[in-house]
N, C-alpha and C. Protein backbone atom coordinates (compact mmCIF):
# COMPACT_ATOMS: atom_id res chain seq x y z
N MET A 1 13.26 -142.17 -226.54
CA MET A 1 13.61 -142.65 -228.67
C MET A 1 15.18 -143.01 -228.24
N ASP A 2 15.27 -143.45 -228.81
CA ASP A 2 16.77 -144.48 -228.64
C ASP A 2 17.71 -144.39 -230.48
N ALA A 3 18.67 -144.88 -230.05
CA ALA A 3 19.44 -144.28 -231.22
C ALA A 3 19.24 -144.57 -232.62
N CYS A 4 18.71 -146.27 -232.62
CA CYS A 4 18.10 -146.56 -233.63
C CYS A 4 16.47 -146.09 -234.16
N THR A 5 16.02 -145.98 -233.67
CA THR A 5 14.41 -145.18 -233.81
C THR A 5 14.90 -143.57 -234.74
N THR A 6 15.82 -143.09 -233.73
CA THR A 6 16.04 -141.62 -234.59
C THR A 6 17.01 -141.98 -236.29
N LEU A 7 17.85 -143.04 -236.35
CA LEU A 7 18.92 -143.41 -237.77
C LEU A 7 17.99 -143.90 -238.19
N ARG A 8 16.72 -144.59 -238.32
CA ARG A 8 15.75 -144.79 -239.13
C ARG A 8 14.38 -143.27 -239.34
N LYS A 9 14.74 -142.50 -238.50
CA LYS A 9 13.56 -141.26 -239.26
C LYS A 9 14.51 -140.58 -239.89
N LEU A 10 16.30 -140.41 -239.76
CA LEU A 10 17.12 -139.96 -240.62
C LEU A 10 17.61 -140.07 -241.88
N ALA A 11 17.14 -141.58 -241.83
CA ALA A 11 17.91 -142.10 -242.74
C ALA A 11 17.60 -141.92 -244.14
N PRO A 12 16.19 -141.73 -244.63
CA PRO A 12 15.75 -141.53 -245.56
C PRO A 12 16.09 -139.99 -246.16
N ALA A 13 16.03 -138.91 -244.92
CA ALA A 13 16.62 -137.22 -245.22
C ALA A 13 18.70 -137.65 -245.70
N LEU A 14 19.02 -138.06 -245.10
CA LEU A 14 20.51 -138.31 -245.38
C LEU A 14 20.48 -139.23 -246.29
N LEU A 15 19.51 -140.24 -247.44
CA LEU A 15 19.85 -140.90 -248.50
C LEU A 15 19.58 -139.77 -249.32
N SER A 16 18.50 -138.91 -249.37
CA SER A 16 18.10 -137.95 -250.06
C SER A 16 19.07 -136.69 -250.20
N ALA A 17 19.94 -136.66 -249.23
CA ALA A 17 20.65 -135.70 -249.20
C ALA A 17 22.07 -136.07 -250.04
N ALA A 18 22.25 -137.51 -249.67
CA ALA A 18 23.73 -138.00 -250.17
C ALA A 18 23.18 -138.07 -251.73
N ALA A 19 22.39 -138.38 -252.39
CA ALA A 19 22.35 -138.41 -253.71
C ALA A 19 22.15 -136.94 -254.16
N ALA A 20 20.74 -136.17 -253.70
CA ALA A 20 21.35 -134.93 -254.23
C ALA A 20 23.22 -134.00 -254.46
N ALA A 21 24.18 -134.78 -253.20
CA ALA A 21 25.17 -134.04 -253.20
C ALA A 21 25.95 -135.12 -254.67
N ALA A 22 25.38 -136.17 -255.16
CA ALA A 22 26.25 -136.77 -255.72
C ALA A 22 25.73 -136.29 -257.09
N LEU A 23 24.51 -136.10 -257.57
CA LEU A 23 23.93 -135.43 -258.71
C LEU A 23 24.19 -133.74 -258.90
N VAL A 24 24.70 -133.38 -257.83
CA VAL A 24 25.30 -131.96 -258.22
C VAL A 24 26.82 -132.04 -258.45
N ALA A 25 27.42 -132.82 -257.96
CA ALA A 25 28.46 -133.22 -257.94
C ALA A 25 28.61 -133.65 -259.73
N ALA A 26 28.31 -134.39 -260.12
CA ALA A 26 28.36 -135.35 -261.40
C ALA A 26 28.00 -134.52 -262.55
N THR A 27 26.69 -133.10 -262.19
CA THR A 27 26.77 -132.71 -263.51
C THR A 27 27.91 -131.26 -263.39
N SER A 28 28.69 -131.44 -262.11
CA SER A 28 29.75 -129.68 -262.18
C SER A 28 30.84 -130.85 -262.89
N PHE A 29 31.28 -131.64 -262.52
CA PHE A 29 32.32 -131.91 -263.32
C PHE A 29 32.32 -133.00 -264.35
N ALA A 30 30.85 -132.81 -264.94
CA ALA A 30 31.19 -133.58 -266.55
C ALA A 30 31.48 -132.64 -267.57
N PRO A 31 32.70 -133.74 -268.41
CA PRO A 31 32.66 -132.90 -269.59
C PRO A 31 31.70 -131.67 -270.50
N ARG A 32 32.15 -131.08 -270.66
CA ARG A 32 31.47 -129.96 -271.11
C ARG A 32 32.37 -130.14 -273.06
N PRO A 33 31.60 -129.65 -274.08
CA PRO A 33 32.07 -129.34 -275.21
C PRO A 33 32.70 -128.33 -275.30
N ALA A 34 33.83 -128.61 -275.96
CA ALA A 34 34.64 -127.11 -276.12
C ALA A 34 33.94 -125.79 -277.33
N ALA A 35 34.52 -124.91 -276.79
CA ALA A 35 33.63 -124.12 -277.50
C ALA A 35 34.46 -123.03 -277.93
N ALA A 36 34.25 -123.00 -279.57
CA ALA A 36 35.03 -122.65 -280.71
C ALA A 36 35.08 -121.21 -281.03
N LYS A 37 35.57 -120.01 -280.78
CA LYS A 37 36.50 -118.57 -280.20
C LYS A 37 35.81 -118.27 -282.13
N PRO A 38 34.81 -117.60 -282.76
CA PRO A 38 34.90 -117.02 -283.65
C PRO A 38 34.90 -115.89 -284.06
N GLU A 39 35.65 -115.21 -282.89
CA GLU A 39 36.30 -113.89 -283.23
C GLU A 39 37.97 -114.09 -283.46
N PHE A 40 38.16 -114.96 -283.57
CA PHE A 40 39.94 -115.06 -283.70
C PHE A 40 40.28 -115.47 -285.32
N ALA A 41 39.10 -116.32 -285.64
CA ALA A 41 39.13 -115.94 -287.60
C ALA A 41 38.58 -115.25 -288.24
N ALA A 42 37.84 -114.06 -287.57
CA ALA A 42 37.73 -112.75 -287.68
C ALA A 42 38.31 -112.11 -287.85
N GLN A 43 39.75 -112.57 -286.28
CA GLN A 43 40.59 -111.37 -285.95
C GLN A 43 41.63 -111.52 -287.10
N THR A 44 41.80 -112.75 -287.37
CA THR A 44 43.12 -113.82 -288.45
C THR A 44 42.58 -113.60 -289.68
N LYS A 45 41.77 -113.31 -290.10
CA LYS A 45 40.78 -114.00 -291.57
C LYS A 45 41.49 -115.49 -292.05
N LEU A 46 41.22 -116.21 -291.47
CA LEU A 46 41.84 -117.78 -291.17
C LEU A 46 40.88 -118.57 -290.77
N PRO A 47 40.95 -119.63 -291.75
CA PRO A 47 39.26 -120.34 -291.16
C PRO A 47 39.62 -121.64 -289.99
N CYS A 48 38.55 -121.78 -289.62
CA CYS A 48 39.57 -122.47 -287.81
C CYS A 48 40.06 -122.99 -287.96
N GLY A 49 39.46 -123.84 -289.02
CA GLY A 49 40.94 -125.37 -289.69
C GLY A 49 42.18 -125.32 -289.40
N GLN A 50 42.81 -123.93 -290.15
CA GLN A 50 43.98 -123.53 -290.09
C GLN A 50 44.84 -123.46 -288.65
N CYS A 51 43.98 -123.60 -287.25
CA CYS A 51 44.90 -124.10 -286.34
C CYS A 51 43.91 -124.93 -285.28
N HIS A 52 42.37 -125.30 -285.98
CA HIS A 52 42.38 -126.39 -285.06
C HIS A 52 42.36 -127.81 -285.85
N VAL A 53 42.21 -129.09 -285.14
CA VAL A 53 42.45 -130.37 -285.70
C VAL A 53 41.20 -130.39 -286.30
N SER A 54 40.15 -130.24 -286.33
CA SER A 54 38.46 -130.11 -286.49
C SER A 54 38.45 -129.55 -287.65
N PRO A 55 38.13 -129.50 -288.71
CA PRO A 55 38.11 -128.50 -289.61
C PRO A 55 36.40 -126.62 -289.27
N ALA A 56 35.81 -127.28 -288.21
CA ALA A 56 35.01 -127.06 -287.62
C ALA A 56 35.05 -125.79 -286.33
N GLY A 57 36.58 -126.27 -286.08
CA GLY A 57 36.69 -125.65 -284.94
C GLY A 57 36.77 -126.15 -283.42
N GLY A 58 36.94 -125.47 -282.98
CA GLY A 58 36.92 -126.23 -280.75
C GLY A 58 38.18 -127.50 -281.20
N GLY A 59 38.55 -127.79 -280.09
CA GLY A 59 38.92 -129.12 -279.63
C GLY A 59 40.57 -128.89 -279.80
N ALA A 60 41.11 -129.65 -279.96
CA ALA A 60 42.58 -129.89 -280.50
C ALA A 60 43.17 -129.12 -281.43
N LEU A 61 44.31 -128.94 -281.24
CA LEU A 61 45.12 -127.38 -281.51
C LEU A 61 45.75 -128.32 -283.09
N LYS A 62 46.25 -128.04 -283.93
CA LYS A 62 47.21 -128.53 -284.81
C LYS A 62 48.69 -127.20 -284.32
N PRO A 63 50.22 -127.62 -284.19
CA PRO A 63 50.82 -126.90 -284.21
C PRO A 63 50.80 -125.32 -284.88
N PHE A 64 50.33 -125.23 -285.54
CA PHE A 64 49.71 -123.38 -286.01
C PHE A 64 49.49 -123.29 -284.75
N GLY A 65 47.76 -123.52 -284.35
CA GLY A 65 47.07 -123.22 -283.56
C GLY A 65 47.97 -122.88 -282.14
N GLN A 66 48.71 -123.46 -281.64
CA GLN A 66 49.75 -124.50 -279.90
C GLN A 66 50.15 -122.87 -280.19
N LYS A 67 51.20 -122.48 -281.56
CA LYS A 67 51.95 -121.15 -281.52
C LYS A 67 51.03 -119.81 -281.18
N PHE A 68 50.21 -120.36 -282.23
CA PHE A 68 48.87 -118.83 -282.17
C PHE A 68 48.87 -118.84 -280.15
N LYS A 69 48.38 -119.85 -279.62
CA LYS A 69 48.22 -119.72 -278.80
C LYS A 69 49.23 -119.24 -277.40
N ASP A 70 50.45 -119.76 -277.76
CA ASP A 70 51.54 -119.39 -277.23
C ASP A 70 51.88 -118.17 -276.93
N ASN A 71 51.34 -117.77 -278.22
CA ASN A 71 51.73 -116.60 -278.76
C ASN A 71 50.90 -115.36 -277.92
N GLY A 72 49.34 -115.62 -277.65
CA GLY A 72 49.14 -115.25 -277.17
C GLY A 72 47.94 -114.41 -277.50
N TYR A 73 47.61 -115.16 -279.01
CA TYR A 73 46.58 -115.16 -279.68
C TYR A 73 46.75 -114.21 -280.95
N LYS A 74 47.83 -114.07 -280.78
CA LYS A 74 48.79 -113.30 -282.11
C LYS A 74 49.96 -113.63 -283.21
N LEU A 75 49.65 -113.54 -284.52
CA LEU A 75 49.50 -114.22 -285.41
C LEU A 75 51.66 -113.90 -285.10
N LYS A 76 52.14 -112.58 -285.20
CA LYS A 76 53.49 -112.13 -285.25
C LYS A 76 53.90 -111.85 -283.83
C-alpha cells in the first residue's frame, strides 16, 4: 500500500474529525445571553433597571450598577 492509497482511505475520517472539532469550537466559544441575578433585586429591594441599562436586567450596567459590582455587590 503506497502513501497515496493510505491518504485516500484516511481522508474521510480526517475530514470528519476536523468538522467535529470545528463544531465543538464554534459552540464552545459562541456568545451566550447574559443571565440576570434576581436575587440581587430581592437583596437590595431595587428594580433590575436600577443597575442595568435594560429595565429587565442583565447586560450592560449603569454607573450605579458598576459601583454596586465594584463594592462586592453591597450597597454600603
